Amino acid sequence: MAVLSIRMIGDPILRTPAAEVTDFGPELARLVEDMTETMIDVQGAGLAAPQVGIGLQVFTYRVDGVQGHVVNPVLEVGGESQGESDVEGCLSVPGLGSYVGRTDWARVTGKDVSGGDVVVEGTGMLARALQHETDHLRGTLYIDRLEGEDRKSALRAIRSAEYNRVTSRTAAQRSLSLGSSFTPGPAAGGTASRSTGTFGQGAR
């Protein structure tokens, strides 16, 4: 397994709808292994294949002790909107976070790496992760769902010269692990970091 480079906002692949997976062979299994290792290395709650430069409908997730992957996911949502205290961020948009109106329940149906049926259903943080990662496979970033002043503030931050330094610094920090075999440490336990209340991004 290896840690992969995470693409940053501005990379066209993040805006390109991913293709359906048709080959459930060893290359897909390796991709999921590498994505899982990468997700853990950066302390993320989820990671979609386009974020590592692969335009396929695959994502991994790791929330509250629940970890897995889904290939060719189909998303269903329902229930009330989550509270405004639930801040959402993204590994591909480092350093930023904002409230995003997500439903409190979500379910995805799809396949695993062997082509077997998969169903993942959850509320709260897991529901948010399922919605966030499925968006990535459609070429949608969480900032696209922001409204009003939140959207204006995020876009201003991204367009600033300072934000270029943020993404460069983040990329440099992450590059220290690229290509390596991940060795679990204290930050790589079975649950995603919740200390900041931010989805999708940890200390790195």
N, C-alpha and C. Protein backbone atom coordinates (compact mmCIF):
# COMPACT_ATOMS: atom_id res chain seq x y z
N MET A 1 0.84 -1.20 0.00
CA MET A 1 0.00 0.00 0.00
C MET A 1 0.88 1.24 0.00
N ALA A 2 0.29 2.37 -0.41
CA ALA A 2 1.04 3.61 -0.49
C ALA A 2 0.13 4.80 -0.23
N VAL A 3 0.74 5.87 0.26
CA VAL A 3 0.03 7.13 0.46
C VAL A 3 0.06 7.90 -0.86
N LEU A 4 -1.09 8.39 -1.29
CA LEU A 4 -1.23 9.07 -2.57
C LEU A 4 -1.31 10.58 -2.38
N SER A 5 -0.99 11.30 -3.43
CA SER A 5 -1.09 12.76 -3.42
C SER A 5 -2.55 13.17 -3.56
N ILE A 6 -2.98 14.14 -2.76
CA ILE A 6 -4.36 14.62 -2.80
C ILE A 6 -4.43 15.88 -3.65
N ARG A 7 -5.32 15.87 -4.64
CA ARG A 7 -5.48 17.01 -5.52
C ARG A 7 -6.18 18.16 -4.79
N MET A 8 -5.76 19.38 -5.12
CA MET A 8 -6.29 20.58 -4.49
C MET A 8 -7.29 21.29 -5.40
N ILE A 9 -8.11 22.13 -4.79
CA ILE A 9 -9.07 22.92 -5.55
C ILE A 9 -8.35 23.67 -6.66
N GLY A 10 -8.95 23.67 -7.85
CA GLY A 10 -8.31 24.22 -9.04
C GLY A 10 -7.91 23.13 -10.01
N ASP A 11 -7.75 21.90 -9.50
CA ASP A 11 -7.43 20.77 -10.37
C ASP A 11 -8.71 20.35 -11.11
N PRO A 12 -8.68 20.28 -12.44
CA PRO A 12 -9.88 19.97 -13.22
C PRO A 12 -10.55 18.65 -12.86
N ILE A 13 -9.79 17.67 -12.37
CA ILE A 13 -10.40 16.37 -12.09
C ILE A 13 -11.43 16.47 -10.96
N LEU A 14 -11.28 17.46 -10.09
CA LEU A 14 -12.23 17.63 -9.00
C LEU A 14 -13.57 18.16 -9.50
N ARG A 15 -13.59 18.66 -10.74
CA ARG A 15 -14.81 19.21 -11.33
C ARG A 15 -15.37 18.32 -12.43
N THR A 16 -14.78 17.14 -12.58
CA THR A 16 -15.19 16.23 -13.65
C THR A 16 -15.96 15.05 -13.08
N PRO A 17 -17.19 14.81 -13.52
CA PRO A 17 -17.93 13.63 -13.02
C PRO A 17 -17.14 12.35 -13.25
N ALA A 18 -17.09 11.50 -12.24
CA ALA A 18 -16.31 10.27 -12.31
C ALA A 18 -17.04 9.21 -13.12
N ALA A 19 -16.28 8.32 -13.72
CA ALA A 19 -16.83 7.25 -14.55
C ALA A 19 -17.23 6.04 -13.69
N GLU A 20 -18.21 5.32 -14.13
CA GLU A 20 -18.64 4.10 -13.44
C GLU A 20 -17.55 3.04 -13.54
N VAL A 21 -17.33 2.33 -12.46
CA VAL A 21 -16.35 1.25 -12.45
C VAL A 21 -16.96 0.02 -13.12
N THR A 22 -16.23 -0.57 -14.05
CA THR A 22 -16.67 -1.79 -14.73
C THR A 22 -15.72 -2.95 -14.53
N ASP A 23 -14.50 -2.67 -14.10
CA ASP A 23 -13.49 -3.70 -13.91
C ASP A 23 -13.22 -3.88 -12.41
N PHE A 24 -13.69 -4.98 -11.85
CA PHE A 24 -13.52 -5.25 -10.41
C PHE A 24 -12.33 -6.20 -10.20
N GLY A 25 -11.19 -5.77 -10.68
CA GLY A 25 -10.00 -6.60 -10.60
C GLY A 25 -9.01 -6.11 -9.56
N PRO A 26 -7.77 -6.61 -9.63
CA PRO A 26 -6.75 -6.27 -8.63
C PRO A 26 -6.38 -4.80 -8.60
N GLU A 27 -6.49 -4.10 -9.74
CA GLU A 27 -6.15 -2.67 -9.76
C GLU A 27 -7.13 -1.87 -8.90
N LEU A 28 -8.40 -2.24 -8.93
CA LEU A 28 -9.40 -1.57 -8.10
C LEU A 28 -9.12 -1.84 -6.62
N ALA A 29 -8.79 -3.09 -6.31
CA ALA A 29 -8.49 -3.44 -4.91
C ALA A 29 -7.30 -2.64 -4.41
N ARG A 30 -6.28 -2.49 -5.24
CA ARG A 30 -5.09 -1.71 -4.86
C ARG A 30 -5.46 -0.25 -4.66
N LEU A 31 -6.29 0.29 -5.53
CA LEU A 31 -6.71 1.68 -5.39
C LEU A 31 -7.41 1.90 -4.06
N VAL A 32 -8.33 1.02 -3.69
CA VAL A 32 -9.06 1.17 -2.43
C VAL A 32 -8.11 1.06 -1.24
N GLU A 33 -7.16 0.14 -1.31
CA GLU A 33 -6.16 0.02 -0.24
C GLU A 33 -5.35 1.31 -0.09
N ASP A 34 -4.90 1.85 -1.22
CA ASP A 34 -4.10 3.07 -1.18
C ASP A 34 -4.92 4.26 -0.72
N MET A 35 -6.17 4.34 -1.16
CA MET A 35 -7.05 5.44 -0.72
C MET A 35 -7.31 5.36 0.77
N THR A 36 -7.52 4.15 1.28
CA THR A 36 -7.76 3.98 2.71
C THR A 36 -6.53 4.40 3.50
N GLU A 37 -5.36 3.99 3.04
CA GLU A 37 -4.13 4.37 3.72
C GLU A 37 -3.92 5.88 3.69
N THR A 38 -4.21 6.49 2.55
CA THR A 38 -4.08 7.94 2.42
C THR A 38 -5.04 8.66 3.34
N MET A 39 -6.29 8.22 3.37
CA MET A 39 -7.31 8.82 4.22
C MET A 39 -6.89 8.80 5.69
N ILE A 40 -6.36 7.67 6.13
CA ILE A 40 -5.92 7.55 7.52
C ILE A 40 -4.70 8.43 7.78
N ASP A 41 -3.78 8.47 6.83
CA ASP A 41 -2.56 9.24 7.00
C ASP A 41 -2.85 10.72 7.22
N VAL A 42 -3.87 11.25 6.52
CA VAL A 42 -4.20 12.67 6.65
C VAL A 42 -5.33 12.90 7.65
N GLN A 43 -5.72 11.84 8.37
CA GLN A 43 -6.75 11.92 9.41
C GLN A 43 -8.09 12.41 8.84
N GLY A 44 -8.43 11.92 7.67
CA GLY A 44 -9.69 12.30 7.04
C GLY A 44 -10.82 11.38 7.40
N ALA A 45 -12.04 11.87 7.24
CA ALA A 45 -13.23 11.06 7.46
C ALA A 45 -13.71 10.39 6.18
N GLY A 46 -13.15 10.81 5.05
CA GLY A 46 -13.54 10.22 3.78
C GLY A 46 -12.61 10.69 2.69
N LEU A 47 -12.58 9.94 1.59
CA LEU A 47 -11.74 10.29 0.45
C LEU A 47 -12.34 9.70 -0.82
N ALA A 48 -12.49 10.53 -1.83
CA ALA A 48 -13.04 10.08 -3.11
C ALA A 48 -11.92 9.92 -4.13
N ALA A 49 -12.09 8.99 -5.07
CA ALA A 49 -11.03 8.70 -6.04
C ALA A 49 -10.57 9.93 -6.83
N PRO A 50 -11.47 10.83 -7.25
CA PRO A 50 -10.98 12.02 -7.96
C PRO A 50 -10.01 12.86 -7.13
N GLN A 51 -10.11 12.78 -5.81
CA GLN A 51 -9.20 13.54 -4.96
C GLN A 51 -7.77 13.03 -5.04
N VAL A 52 -7.58 11.81 -5.52
CA VAL A 52 -6.22 11.29 -5.72
C VAL A 52 -5.93 11.12 -7.21
N GLY A 53 -6.70 11.84 -8.04
CA GLY A 53 -6.42 11.88 -9.47
C GLY A 53 -6.99 10.75 -10.29
N ILE A 54 -7.92 9.98 -9.73
CA ILE A 54 -8.52 8.84 -10.43
C ILE A 54 -10.00 9.13 -10.66
N GLY A 55 -10.41 9.22 -11.91
CA GLY A 55 -11.78 9.59 -12.24
C GLY A 55 -12.74 8.42 -12.25
N LEU A 56 -12.81 7.71 -11.14
CA LEU A 56 -13.71 6.57 -11.01
C LEU A 56 -14.63 6.76 -9.81
N GLN A 57 -15.80 6.12 -9.86
CA GLN A 57 -16.79 6.25 -8.80
C GLN A 57 -16.44 5.33 -7.62
N VAL A 58 -15.53 5.80 -6.80
CA VAL A 58 -15.08 5.05 -5.63
C VAL A 58 -14.84 6.03 -4.50
N PHE A 59 -15.28 5.70 -3.30
CA PHE A 59 -14.86 6.49 -2.14
C PHE A 59 -14.66 5.59 -0.94
N THR A 60 -13.82 6.06 -0.03
CA THR A 60 -13.60 5.39 1.25
C THR A 60 -14.12 6.30 2.35
N TYR A 61 -14.38 5.72 3.53
CA TYR A 61 -14.87 6.53 4.64
C TYR A 61 -14.41 5.91 5.95
N ARG A 62 -14.35 6.75 6.99
CA ARG A 62 -13.93 6.30 8.31
C ARG A 62 -14.52 7.27 9.34
N VAL A 63 -15.62 6.88 9.94
CA VAL A 63 -16.37 7.76 10.84
C VAL A 63 -16.82 6.98 12.07
N ASP A 64 -16.47 7.48 13.24
CA ASP A 64 -16.95 6.90 14.50
C ASP A 64 -16.76 5.39 14.57
N GLY A 65 -15.60 4.93 14.17
CA GLY A 65 -15.28 3.51 14.25
C GLY A 65 -15.81 2.67 13.10
N VAL A 66 -16.52 3.30 12.16
CA VAL A 66 -17.05 2.59 10.99
C VAL A 66 -16.19 2.95 9.79
N GLN A 67 -15.59 1.95 9.17
CA GLN A 67 -14.69 2.18 8.04
C GLN A 67 -15.04 1.27 6.89
N GLY A 68 -14.92 1.79 5.66
CA GLY A 68 -15.22 0.96 4.50
C GLY A 68 -15.04 1.73 3.21
N HIS A 69 -15.60 1.18 2.15
CA HIS A 69 -15.53 1.80 0.83
C HIS A 69 -16.80 1.46 0.06
N VAL A 70 -17.09 2.26 -0.95
CA VAL A 70 -18.23 2.01 -1.82
C VAL A 70 -17.82 2.31 -3.25
N VAL A 71 -18.18 1.41 -4.15
CA VAL A 71 -17.92 1.58 -5.58
C VAL A 71 -19.26 1.80 -6.28
N ASN A 72 -19.30 2.73 -7.21
CA ASN A 72 -20.53 3.08 -7.94
C ASN A 72 -21.70 3.36 -7.00
N PRO A 73 -21.52 4.28 -6.05
CA PRO A 73 -22.58 4.53 -5.07
C PRO A 73 -23.80 5.23 -5.64
N VAL A 74 -24.96 4.86 -5.12
CA VAL A 74 -26.22 5.56 -5.41
C VAL A 74 -26.71 6.10 -4.08
N LEU A 75 -26.91 7.40 -4.00
CA LEU A 75 -27.21 8.08 -2.74
C LEU A 75 -28.71 8.32 -2.56
N GLU A 76 -29.19 8.06 -1.32
CA GLU A 76 -30.53 8.46 -0.90
C GLU A 76 -30.38 9.30 0.36
N VAL A 77 -31.17 10.35 0.48
CA VAL A 77 -31.10 11.21 1.67
C VAL A 77 -32.51 11.44 2.21
N GLY A 78 -32.57 11.83 3.49
CA GLY A 78 -33.86 12.11 4.11
C GLY A 78 -33.68 12.65 5.51
N GLY A 79 -34.78 12.99 6.12
CA GLY A 79 -34.73 13.50 7.49
C GLY A 79 -34.53 14.99 7.53
N GLU A 80 -34.37 15.50 8.74
CA GLU A 80 -34.19 16.93 8.94
C GLU A 80 -32.76 17.36 8.61
N SER A 81 -32.59 18.66 8.46
CA SER A 81 -31.26 19.21 8.21
C SER A 81 -30.43 19.14 9.48
N GLN A 82 -29.14 18.88 9.32
CA GLN A 82 -28.24 18.87 10.47
C GLN A 82 -28.05 20.29 10.99
N GLY A 83 -27.66 20.40 12.24
CA GLY A 83 -27.52 21.69 12.89
C GLY A 83 -26.39 22.53 12.33
N GLU A 84 -26.48 23.83 12.53
CA GLU A 84 -25.48 24.76 12.00
C GLU A 84 -24.16 24.69 12.75
N SER A 85 -24.12 23.95 13.84
CA SER A 85 -22.86 23.79 14.57
C SER A 85 -21.96 22.74 13.91
N ASP A 86 -22.50 22.00 12.95
CA ASP A 86 -21.73 20.97 12.26
C ASP A 86 -20.98 21.58 11.09
N VAL A 87 -19.71 21.87 11.29
CA VAL A 87 -18.89 22.50 10.26
C VAL A 87 -18.32 21.44 9.33
N GLU A 88 -18.29 21.75 8.04
CA GLU A 88 -17.79 20.81 7.04
C GLU A 88 -16.59 21.41 6.34
N GLY A 89 -15.60 20.59 6.09
CA GLY A 89 -14.43 21.00 5.35
C GLY A 89 -14.08 19.94 4.33
N CYS A 90 -12.91 20.05 3.71
CA CYS A 90 -12.54 19.10 2.66
C CYS A 90 -11.03 19.01 2.55
N LEU A 91 -10.53 17.80 2.36
CA LEU A 91 -9.09 17.60 2.20
C LEU A 91 -8.56 18.30 0.95
N SER A 92 -9.41 18.54 -0.03
CA SER A 92 -9.00 19.21 -1.25
C SER A 92 -9.16 20.72 -1.18
N VAL A 93 -9.74 21.21 -0.08
CA VAL A 93 -9.90 22.64 0.15
C VAL A 93 -9.38 22.92 1.56
N PRO A 94 -8.08 22.77 1.79
CA PRO A 94 -7.53 22.82 3.15
C PRO A 94 -7.67 24.20 3.80
N GLY A 95 -7.78 24.18 5.12
CA GLY A 95 -7.77 25.42 5.87
C GLY A 95 -9.08 26.14 5.98
N LEU A 96 -10.12 25.64 5.31
CA LEU A 96 -11.43 26.30 5.34
C LEU A 96 -12.48 25.32 5.88
N GLY A 97 -13.57 25.87 6.37
CA GLY A 97 -14.68 25.05 6.85
C GLY A 97 -15.89 25.93 7.04
N SER A 98 -17.07 25.38 6.78
CA SER A 98 -18.29 26.16 6.92
C SER A 98 -19.47 25.23 7.08
N TYR A 99 -20.59 25.77 7.54
CA TYR A 99 -21.81 24.99 7.65
C TYR A 99 -22.34 24.68 6.25
N VAL A 100 -22.72 23.44 6.05
CA VAL A 100 -23.35 23.00 4.80
C VAL A 100 -24.65 22.29 5.17
N GLY A 101 -25.73 22.66 4.52
CA GLY A 101 -27.01 22.04 4.83
C GLY A 101 -27.09 20.61 4.33
N ARG A 102 -26.82 19.67 5.18
CA ARG A 102 -26.91 18.24 4.85
C ARG A 102 -28.06 17.62 5.63
N THR A 103 -28.70 16.63 5.06
CA THR A 103 -29.75 15.92 5.79
C THR A 103 -29.13 15.02 6.85
N ASP A 104 -29.91 14.72 7.87
CA ASP A 104 -29.39 13.94 9.00
C ASP A 104 -29.35 12.45 8.73
N TRP A 105 -29.92 12.00 7.63
CA TRP A 105 -29.89 10.57 7.28
C TRP A 105 -29.48 10.42 5.83
N ALA A 106 -28.67 9.40 5.57
CA ALA A 106 -28.27 9.10 4.20
C ALA A 106 -27.98 7.62 4.07
N ARG A 107 -28.16 7.13 2.87
CA ARG A 107 -27.82 5.73 2.57
C ARG A 107 -27.25 5.67 1.16
N VAL A 108 -26.18 4.89 1.01
CA VAL A 108 -25.65 4.62 -0.32
C VAL A 108 -25.71 3.11 -0.57
N THR A 109 -26.07 2.76 -1.77
CA THR A 109 -26.01 1.37 -2.22
C THR A 109 -25.01 1.32 -3.36
N GLY A 110 -24.23 0.26 -3.42
CA GLY A 110 -23.23 0.14 -4.46
C GLY A 110 -22.56 -1.21 -4.40
N LYS A 111 -21.28 -1.24 -4.74
CA LYS A 111 -20.51 -2.48 -4.78
C LYS A 111 -19.24 -2.35 -3.95
N ASP A 112 -18.66 -3.51 -3.59
CA ASP A 112 -17.34 -3.51 -2.99
C ASP A 112 -16.31 -3.83 -4.07
N VAL A 113 -15.04 -4.00 -3.69
CA VAL A 113 -13.99 -4.21 -4.69
C VAL A 113 -14.15 -5.51 -5.46
N SER A 114 -14.91 -6.44 -4.89
CA SER A 114 -15.12 -7.73 -5.56
C SER A 114 -16.40 -7.75 -6.39
N GLY A 115 -17.15 -6.66 -6.37
CA GLY A 115 -18.40 -6.60 -7.11
C GLY A 115 -19.61 -7.03 -6.30
N GLY A 116 -19.41 -7.30 -5.01
CA GLY A 116 -20.52 -7.66 -4.14
C GLY A 116 -21.33 -6.45 -3.74
N ASP A 117 -22.60 -6.69 -3.38
CA ASP A 117 -23.48 -5.59 -3.00
C ASP A 117 -23.07 -4.98 -1.66
N VAL A 118 -23.17 -3.65 -1.57
CA VAL A 118 -22.85 -2.92 -0.35
C VAL A 118 -23.97 -1.93 -0.07
N VAL A 119 -24.36 -1.84 1.20
CA VAL A 119 -25.30 -0.82 1.65
C VAL A 119 -24.72 -0.17 2.90
N VAL A 120 -24.58 1.14 2.88
CA VAL A 120 -24.09 1.89 4.04
C VAL A 120 -25.14 2.93 4.39
N GLU A 121 -25.59 2.91 5.63
CA GLU A 121 -26.64 3.83 6.07
C GLU A 121 -26.25 4.45 7.39
N GLY A 122 -26.52 5.73 7.57
CA GLY A 122 -26.15 6.35 8.82
C GLY A 122 -26.79 7.71 9.00
N THR A 123 -26.58 8.25 10.20
CA THR A 123 -27.07 9.58 10.54
C THR A 123 -25.87 10.43 10.97
N GLY A 124 -26.11 11.71 11.19
CA GLY A 124 -25.07 12.58 11.71
C GLY A 124 -23.84 12.64 10.84
N MET A 125 -22.69 12.44 11.46
CA MET A 125 -21.40 12.55 10.77
C MET A 125 -21.27 11.57 9.61
N LEU A 126 -21.75 10.34 9.80
CA LEU A 126 -21.67 9.37 8.71
C LEU A 126 -22.54 9.79 7.54
N ALA A 127 -23.74 10.28 7.82
CA ALA A 127 -24.62 10.77 6.75
C ALA A 127 -23.95 11.92 6.00
N ARG A 128 -23.30 12.80 6.74
CA ARG A 128 -22.60 13.92 6.11
C ARG A 128 -21.46 13.41 5.21
N ALA A 129 -20.73 12.44 5.69
CA ALA A 129 -19.62 11.89 4.91
C ALA A 129 -20.12 11.24 3.63
N LEU A 130 -21.19 10.49 3.70
CA LEU A 130 -21.73 9.82 2.51
C LEU A 130 -22.17 10.85 1.46
N GLN A 131 -22.78 11.93 1.92
CA GLN A 131 -23.22 12.98 1.00
C GLN A 131 -22.03 13.73 0.41
N HIS A 132 -21.06 14.03 1.25
CA HIS A 132 -19.87 14.78 0.82
C HIS A 132 -19.08 13.99 -0.23
N GLU A 133 -18.84 12.71 0.04
CA GLU A 133 -18.03 11.92 -0.88
C GLU A 133 -18.76 11.63 -2.19
N THR A 134 -20.07 11.42 -2.12
CA THR A 134 -20.84 11.23 -3.35
C THR A 134 -20.81 12.49 -4.20
N ASP A 135 -20.86 13.65 -3.56
CA ASP A 135 -20.72 14.91 -4.30
C ASP A 135 -19.42 14.94 -5.09
N HIS A 136 -18.32 14.50 -4.48
CA HIS A 136 -17.03 14.50 -5.17
C HIS A 136 -17.12 13.71 -6.48
N LEU A 137 -17.84 12.62 -6.47
CA LEU A 137 -17.93 11.78 -7.66
C LEU A 137 -18.77 12.42 -8.76
N ARG A 138 -19.50 13.47 -8.40
CA ARG A 138 -20.30 14.23 -9.37
C ARG A 138 -19.58 15.49 -9.83
N GLY A 139 -18.38 15.70 -9.32
CA GLY A 139 -17.65 16.92 -9.66
C GLY A 139 -18.06 18.12 -8.84
N THR A 140 -18.65 17.87 -7.67
CA THR A 140 -19.15 18.94 -6.81
C THR A 140 -18.32 19.02 -5.53
N LEU A 141 -17.92 20.22 -5.14
CA LEU A 141 -17.23 20.45 -3.89
C LEU A 141 -18.21 21.05 -2.88
N TYR A 142 -17.88 20.91 -1.60
CA TYR A 142 -18.81 21.39 -0.58
C TYR A 142 -19.04 22.90 -0.68
N ILE A 143 -18.04 23.64 -1.17
CA ILE A 143 -18.20 25.09 -1.29
C ILE A 143 -19.30 25.45 -2.29
N ASP A 144 -19.61 24.54 -3.22
CA ASP A 144 -20.68 24.79 -4.18
C ASP A 144 -22.04 24.83 -3.50
N ARG A 145 -22.14 24.24 -2.33
CA ARG A 145 -23.41 24.18 -1.61
C ARG A 145 -23.56 25.30 -0.57
N LEU A 146 -22.53 26.13 -0.45
CA LEU A 146 -22.62 27.25 0.48
C LEU A 146 -23.54 28.32 -0.08
N GLU A 147 -24.12 29.09 0.81
CA GLU A 147 -25.05 30.14 0.40
C GLU A 147 -24.70 31.46 1.09
N GLY A 148 -25.16 32.56 0.49
CA GLY A 148 -25.06 33.86 1.12
C GLY A 148 -23.64 34.26 1.47
N GLU A 149 -23.48 34.82 2.67
CA GLU A 149 -22.19 35.33 3.12
C GLU A 149 -21.16 34.23 3.27
N ASP A 150 -21.61 33.01 3.66
CA ASP A 150 -20.68 31.89 3.78
C ASP A 150 -19.99 31.61 2.45
N ARG A 151 -20.77 31.62 1.37
CA ARG A 151 -20.21 31.36 0.05
C ARG A 151 -19.26 32.49 -0.37
N LYS A 152 -19.67 33.73 -0.14
CA LYS A 152 -18.83 34.87 -0.50
C LYS A 152 -17.50 34.83 0.25
N SER A 153 -17.57 34.52 1.55
CA SER A 153 -16.35 34.47 2.36
C SER A 153 -15.41 33.37 1.89
N ALA A 154 -15.97 32.20 1.59
CA ALA A 154 -15.13 31.09 1.13
C ALA A 154 -14.46 31.42 -0.20
N LEU A 155 -15.21 31.99 -1.13
CA LEU A 155 -14.64 32.32 -2.43
C LEU A 155 -13.59 33.41 -2.32
N ARG A 156 -13.82 34.39 -1.44
CA ARG A 156 -12.80 35.43 -1.23
C ARG A 156 -11.52 34.82 -0.69
N ALA A 157 -11.66 33.90 0.27
CA ALA A 157 -10.48 33.26 0.86
C ALA A 157 -9.70 32.46 -0.18
N ILE A 158 -10.42 31.71 -1.01
CA ILE A 158 -9.77 30.86 -2.02
C ILE A 158 -9.05 31.70 -3.07
N ARG A 159 -9.59 32.87 -3.39
CA ARG A 159 -8.99 33.73 -4.42
C ARG A 159 -7.81 34.54 -3.90
N SER A 160 -7.63 34.57 -2.60
CA SER A 160 -6.57 35.40 -2.02
C SER A 160 -5.20 34.76 -2.23
N ALA A 161 -4.17 35.62 -2.24
CA ALA A 161 -2.80 35.13 -2.38
C ALA A 161 -2.41 34.26 -1.19
N GLU A 162 -2.92 34.59 -0.02
CA GLU A 162 -2.61 33.82 1.18
C GLU A 162 -3.07 32.37 1.04
N TYR A 163 -4.21 32.17 0.35
CA TYR A 163 -4.70 30.80 0.23
C TYR A 163 -3.76 29.94 -0.61
N ASN A 164 -3.11 30.53 -1.58
CA ASN A 164 -2.11 29.78 -2.35
C ASN A 164 -1.00 29.26 -1.45
N ARG A 165 -0.63 30.08 -0.46
CA ARG A 165 0.40 29.64 0.49
C ARG A 165 -0.12 28.51 1.38
N VAL A 166 -1.41 28.58 1.73
CA VAL A 166 -2.01 27.52 2.54
C VAL A 166 -1.98 26.19 1.80
N THR A 167 -2.40 26.19 0.54
CA THR A 167 -2.42 24.94 -0.23
C THR A 167 -1.00 24.42 -0.47
N SER A 168 -0.07 25.32 -0.72
CA SER A 168 1.33 24.90 -0.95
C SER A 168 1.91 24.29 0.31
N ARG A 169 1.64 24.92 1.45
CA ARG A 169 2.15 24.40 2.72
C ARG A 169 1.54 23.05 3.04
N THR A 170 0.23 22.91 2.79
CA THR A 170 -0.44 21.63 3.04
C THR A 170 0.12 20.54 2.15
N ALA A 171 0.30 20.86 0.87
CA ALA A 171 0.85 19.87 -0.07
C ALA A 171 2.26 19.45 0.35
N ALA A 172 3.06 20.40 0.82
CA ALA A 172 4.42 20.07 1.25
C ALA A 172 4.41 19.16 2.46
N GLN A 173 3.53 19.43 3.41
CA GLN A 173 3.44 18.58 4.60
C GLN A 173 3.00 17.17 4.23
N ARG A 174 2.02 17.07 3.35
CA ARG A 174 1.53 15.75 2.97
C ARG A 174 2.54 14.97 2.15
N SER A 175 3.37 15.68 1.40
CA SER A 175 4.34 15.00 0.52
C SER A 175 5.35 14.18 1.29
N LEU A 176 5.50 14.46 2.58
CA LEU A 176 6.46 13.72 3.39
C LEU A 176 6.09 12.25 3.51
N SER A 177 4.78 11.93 3.31
CA SER A 177 4.32 10.55 3.43
C SER A 177 4.11 9.87 2.08
N LEU A 178 4.21 10.61 0.99
CA LEU A 178 3.86 10.05 -0.32
C LEU A 178 4.67 8.82 -0.66
N GLY A 179 3.97 7.80 -1.14
CA GLY A 179 4.61 6.59 -1.60
C GLY A 179 5.04 5.65 -0.50
N SER A 180 4.90 6.07 0.75
CA SER A 180 5.35 5.23 1.86
C SER A 180 4.27 4.25 2.29
N SER A 181 4.67 3.22 2.96
CA SER A 181 3.72 2.30 3.57
C SER A 181 3.38 2.86 4.94
N PHE A 182 2.11 3.04 5.19
CA PHE A 182 1.69 3.72 6.41
C PHE A 182 1.86 2.84 7.64
N THR A 183 2.45 3.41 8.68
CA THR A 183 2.57 2.73 9.96
C THR A 183 1.64 3.38 10.95
N PRO A 184 0.60 2.69 11.43
CA PRO A 184 -0.36 3.31 12.33
C PRO A 184 0.30 3.90 13.56
N GLY A 185 -0.13 5.09 13.89
CA GLY A 185 0.35 5.78 15.08
C GLY A 185 -0.81 6.23 15.92
N PRO A 186 -0.59 7.07 16.92
CA PRO A 186 -1.66 7.50 17.81
C PRO A 186 -2.80 8.19 17.11
N ALA A 187 -2.52 8.87 15.97
CA ALA A 187 -3.57 9.61 15.29
C ALA A 187 -4.35 8.75 14.32
N ALA A 188 -3.98 7.50 14.18
CA ALA A 188 -4.61 6.66 13.16
C ALA A 188 -5.46 5.57 13.78
N GLY A 189 -6.22 5.92 14.76
CA GLY A 189 -7.10 4.95 15.40
C GLY A 189 -8.32 4.69 14.57
N GLY A 190 -9.30 4.03 15.16
CA GLY A 190 -10.47 3.61 14.40
C GLY A 190 -11.49 4.69 14.19
N THR A 191 -11.31 5.90 14.72
CA THR A 191 -12.31 6.93 14.54
C THR A 191 -11.69 8.16 13.92
N ALA A 192 -12.51 8.92 13.22
CA ALA A 192 -12.05 10.15 12.61
C ALA A 192 -11.91 11.23 13.68
N SER A 193 -10.97 12.14 13.42
CA SER A 193 -10.77 13.23 14.37
C SER A 193 -12.00 14.10 14.44
N ARG A 194 -12.48 14.38 15.63
CA ARG A 194 -13.65 15.21 15.80
C ARG A 194 -13.34 16.45 16.63
N SER A 195 -12.05 16.67 16.96
CA SER A 195 -11.71 17.72 17.90
C SER A 195 -12.09 19.10 17.40
N THR A 196 -12.05 19.33 16.09
CA THR A 196 -12.40 20.63 15.56
C THR A 196 -13.84 20.70 15.09
N GLY A 197 -14.52 19.57 15.07
CA GLY A 197 -15.89 19.55 14.59
C GLY A 197 -15.95 19.74 13.08
N THR A 198 -14.84 19.51 12.39
CA THR A 198 -14.77 19.76 10.96
C THR A 198 -14.72 18.45 10.19
N PHE A 199 -15.58 18.33 9.18
CA PHE A 199 -15.61 17.11 8.39
C PHE A 199 -14.52 17.14 7.32
N GLY A 200 -13.88 15.97 7.14
CA GLY A 200 -13.04 15.75 5.98
C GLY A 200 -11.61 16.21 6.11
N GLN A 201 -11.26 16.92 7.16
CA GLN A 201 -9.86 17.34 7.27
C GLN A 201 -9.40 17.25 8.71
N GLY A 202 -8.19 16.74 8.87
CA GLY A 202 -7.60 16.66 10.19
C GLY A 202 -6.44 17.63 10.29
N ALA A 203 -5.44 17.23 11.03
CA ALA A 203 -4.32 18.14 11.26
C ALA A 203 -3.52 18.39 10.00
N ARG A 204 -3.66 17.51 9.00
CA ARG A 204 -2.87 17.65 7.79
C ARG A 204 -3.77 17.80 6.58
